[in-house]
Amino acid sequence: DYYRVPWHIQKEVFSIFPHLLQTSLNDSLNSEIMEILPSFVQSKLNLFIKRKLLSSVPMFMGAHEQCVNALADSLQEAVFPPGMDICIQGEVGGEMYFVVNG
């Protein structure tokens, strides 16, 4: 109410967020959305996104909630350029990757 923005404009602004969240959680707009949210909301949204990713992996289906939360907390986003080898068959790996896009 501070700026006395008319309701129809507020409604339009608020209607954009669900669309952005549905279409851009894993692209460049994600960081722009996250930057404008309070940190406690960012944390909750990040945890939700990571838990959703983990719940889609057969290996983690049915895992205890505390386990999934611990895994979700430890996930870090990594971006690789097209054509770059992320892992090479036969090499010992120390990390696990989830390819979300590409």
C-alpha atoms as a PDB file:
ATOM      1  CA  ASP A   1       0.000   0.000   0.000  1.00  0.00           C
ATOM      2  CA  TYR A   2       3.063   2.248   0.371  1.00  0.00           C
ATOM      3  CA  TYR A   3       3.172   3.133  -3.306  1.00  0.00           C
ATOM      4  CA  ARG A   4      -0.615   2.888  -3.673  1.00  0.00           C
ATOM      5  CA  VAL A   5      -0.217   0.693  -6.730  1.00  0.00           C
ATOM      6  CA  PRO A   6      -3.656  -0.010  -8.198  1.00  0.00           C
ATOM      7  CA  TRP A   7      -4.905  -3.530  -7.619  1.00  0.00           C
ATOM      8  CA  HIS A   8      -5.089  -4.392 -11.342  1.00  0.00           C
ATOM      9  CA  ILE A   9      -1.349  -3.656 -11.687  1.00  0.00           C
ATOM     10  CA  GLN A  10      -0.521  -5.619  -8.520  1.00  0.00           C
ATOM     11  CA  LYS A  11      -2.540  -8.535  -9.877  1.00  0.00           C
ATOM     12  CA  GLU A  12      -0.645  -8.430 -13.172  1.00  0.00           C
ATOM     13  CA  VAL A  13       2.728  -8.372 -11.397  1.00  0.00           C
ATOM     14  CA  PHE A  14       1.763 -11.279  -9.129  1.00  0.00           C
ATOM     15  CA  SER A  15       0.471 -13.292 -12.080  1.00  0.00           C
ATOM     16  CA  ILE A  16       3.915 -13.198 -13.681  1.00  0.00           C
ATOM     17  CA  PHE A  17       5.644 -15.091 -10.873  1.00  0.00           C
ATOM     18  CA  PRO A  18       3.782 -18.404 -11.255  1.00  0.00           C
ATOM     19  CA  HIS A  19       4.497 -18.316 -14.983  1.00  0.00           C
ATOM     20  CA  LEU A  20       8.196 -17.621 -14.404  1.00  0.00           C
ATOM     21  CA  LEU A  21       8.409 -20.357 -11.789  1.00  0.00           C
ATOM     22  CA  GLN A  22       6.808 -22.878 -14.131  1.00  0.00           C
ATOM     23  CA  THR A  23       8.869 -22.023 -17.176  1.00  0.00           C
ATOM     24  CA  SER A  24      12.255 -20.950 -15.906  1.00  0.00           C
ATOM     25  CA  LEU A  25      13.325 -22.749 -12.750  1.00  0.00           C
ATOM     26  CA  ASN A  26      16.327 -24.188 -14.548  1.00  0.00           C
ATOM     27  CA  ASP A  27      17.398 -21.376 -16.829  1.00  0.00           C
ATOM     28  CA  SER A  28      18.978 -17.948 -16.582  1.00  0.00           C
ATOM     29  CA  LEU A  29      15.837 -16.302 -15.222  1.00  0.00           C
ATOM     30  CA  ASN A  30      16.094 -18.475 -12.135  1.00  0.00           C
ATOM     31  CA  SER A  31      18.889 -16.332 -10.681  1.00  0.00           C
ATOM     32  CA  GLU A  32      16.988 -13.139 -11.446  1.00  0.00           C
ATOM     33  CA  ILE A  33      13.895 -14.456  -9.683  1.00  0.00           C
ATOM     34  CA  MET A  34      15.914 -15.670  -6.725  1.00  0.00           C
ATOM     35  CA  GLU A  35      17.758 -12.389  -6.278  1.00  0.00           C
ATOM     36  CA  ILE A  36      14.585 -10.450  -5.591  1.00  0.00           C
ATOM     37  CA  LEU A  37      13.249 -12.926  -3.031  1.00  0.00           C
ATOM     38  CA  PRO A  38      14.102 -12.728   0.678  1.00  0.00           C
ATOM     39  CA  SER A  39      16.824 -15.202   1.674  1.00  0.00           C
ATOM     40  CA  PHE A  40      14.488 -17.385   3.748  1.00  0.00           C
ATOM     41  CA  VAL A  41      12.202 -17.788   0.707  1.00  0.00           C
ATOM     42  CA  GLN A  42      15.209 -18.489  -1.530  1.00  0.00           C
ATOM     43  CA  SER A  43      16.276 -21.278   0.841  1.00  0.00           C
ATOM     44  CA  LYS A  44      12.826 -22.845   0.889  1.00  0.00           C
ATOM     45  CA  LEU A  45      12.482 -22.625  -2.901  1.00  0.00           C
ATOM     46  CA  ASN A  46      15.965 -24.063  -3.483  1.00  0.00           C
ATOM     47  CA  LEU A  47      15.224 -26.967  -1.145  1.00  0.00           C
ATOM     48  CA  PHE A  48      11.914 -27.638  -2.899  1.00  0.00           C
ATOM     49  CA  ILE A  49      13.529 -27.617  -6.359  1.00  0.00           C
ATOM     50  CA  LYS A  50      16.330 -29.936  -5.268  1.00  0.00           C
ATOM     51  CA  ARG A  51      13.946 -32.311  -3.479  1.00  0.00           C
ATOM     52  CA  LYS A  52      11.781 -32.443  -6.601  1.00  0.00           C
ATOM     53  CA  LEU A  53      14.826 -33.333  -8.699  1.00  0.00           C
ATOM     54  CA  LEU A  54      15.872 -36.065  -6.268  1.00  0.00           C
ATOM     55  CA  SER A  55      12.353 -37.484  -6.096  1.00  0.00           C
ATOM     56  CA  SER A  56      12.448 -38.037  -9.862  1.00  0.00           C
ATOM     57  CA  VAL A  57      15.536 -40.268  -9.597  1.00  0.00           C
ATOM     58  CA  PRO A  58      14.601 -43.960  -9.131  1.00  0.00           C
ATOM     59  CA  MET A  59      17.568 -44.538  -6.805  1.00  0.00           C
ATOM     60  CA  PHE A  60      16.164 -42.023  -4.301  1.00  0.00           C
ATOM     61  CA  MET A  61      12.468 -42.889  -4.567  1.00  0.00           C
ATOM     62  CA  GLY A  62      11.297 -44.103  -1.193  1.00  0.00           C
ATOM     63  CA  ALA A  63      14.368 -42.708   0.579  1.00  0.00           C
ATOM     64  CA  HIS A  64      13.832 -41.371   4.085  1.00  0.00           C
ATOM     65  CA  GLU A  65      12.912 -37.672   4.188  1.00  0.00           C
ATOM     66  CA  GLN A  66      15.992 -36.804   6.286  1.00  0.00           C
ATOM     67  CA  CYS A  67      18.212 -38.498   3.720  1.00  0.00           C
ATOM     68  CA  VAL A  68      16.608 -36.611   0.828  1.00  0.00           C
ATOM     69  CA  ASN A  69      16.904 -33.323   2.754  1.00  0.00           C
ATOM     70  CA  ALA A  70      20.592 -33.964   3.471  1.00  0.00           C
ATOM     71  CA  LEU A  71      21.232 -34.788  -0.184  1.00  0.00           C
ATOM     72  CA  ALA A  72      19.255 -31.743  -1.324  1.00  0.00           C
ATOM     73  CA  ASP A  73      21.279 -29.510   1.004  1.00  0.00           C
ATOM     74  CA  SER A  74      24.516 -30.807  -0.495  1.00  0.00           C
ATOM     75  CA  LEU A  75      23.529 -30.400  -4.164  1.00  0.00           C
ATOM     76  CA  GLN A  76      25.366 -27.663  -6.018  1.00  0.00           C
ATOM     77  CA  GLU A  77      24.560 -26.353  -9.456  1.00  0.00           C
ATOM     78  CA  ALA A  78      27.220 -26.693 -12.137  1.00  0.00           C
ATOM     79  CA  VAL A  79      27.069 -25.472 -15.716  1.00  0.00           C
ATOM     80  CA  PHE A  80      29.216 -26.973 -18.443  1.00  0.00           C
ATOM     81  CA  PRO A  81      29.707 -25.778 -22.009  1.00  0.00           C
ATOM     82  CA  PRO A  82      28.306 -27.919 -24.826  1.00  0.00           C
ATOM     83  CA  GLY A  83      30.610 -30.747 -25.832  1.00  0.00           C
ATOM     84  CA  MET A  84      32.610 -30.776 -22.595  1.00  0.00           C
ATOM     85  CA  ASP A  85      33.209 -34.212 -21.049  1.00  0.00           C
ATOM     86  CA  ILE A  86      31.640 -34.238 -17.596  1.00  0.00           C
ATOM     87  CA  CYS A  87      32.729 -37.759 -16.777  1.00  0.00           C
ATOM     88  CA  ILE A  88      34.693 -40.321 -18.717  1.00  0.00           C
ATOM     89  CA  GLN A  89      33.847 -44.015 -18.765  1.00  0.00           C
ATOM     90  CA  GLY A  90      36.317 -46.033 -16.711  1.00  0.00           C
ATOM     91  CA  GLU A  91      37.493 -43.125 -14.535  1.00  0.00           C
ATOM     92  CA  VAL A  92      36.863 -43.265 -10.812  1.00  0.00           C
ATOM     93  CA  GLY A  93      34.343 -40.589  -9.891  1.00  0.00           C
ATOM     94  CA  GLY A  94      34.055 -38.612  -6.703  1.00  0.00           C
ATOM     95  CA  GLU A  95      30.893 -36.757  -7.622  1.00  0.00           C
ATOM     96  CA  MET A  96      27.399 -37.447  -8.856  1.00  0.00           C
ATOM     97  CA  TYR A  97      25.779 -35.349 -11.589  1.00  0.00           C
ATOM     98  CA  PHE A  98      22.155 -34.855 -12.541  1.00  0.00           C
ATOM     99  CA  VAL A  99      21.762 -33.550 -16.060  1.00  0.00           C
ATOM    100  CA  VAL A 100      18.798 -31.211 -15.925  1.00  0.00           C
ATOM    101  CA  ASN A 101      19.148 -29.681 -19.343  1.00  0.00           C
ATOM    102  CA  GLY A 102      21.304 -30.401 -22.349  1.00  0.00           C
END
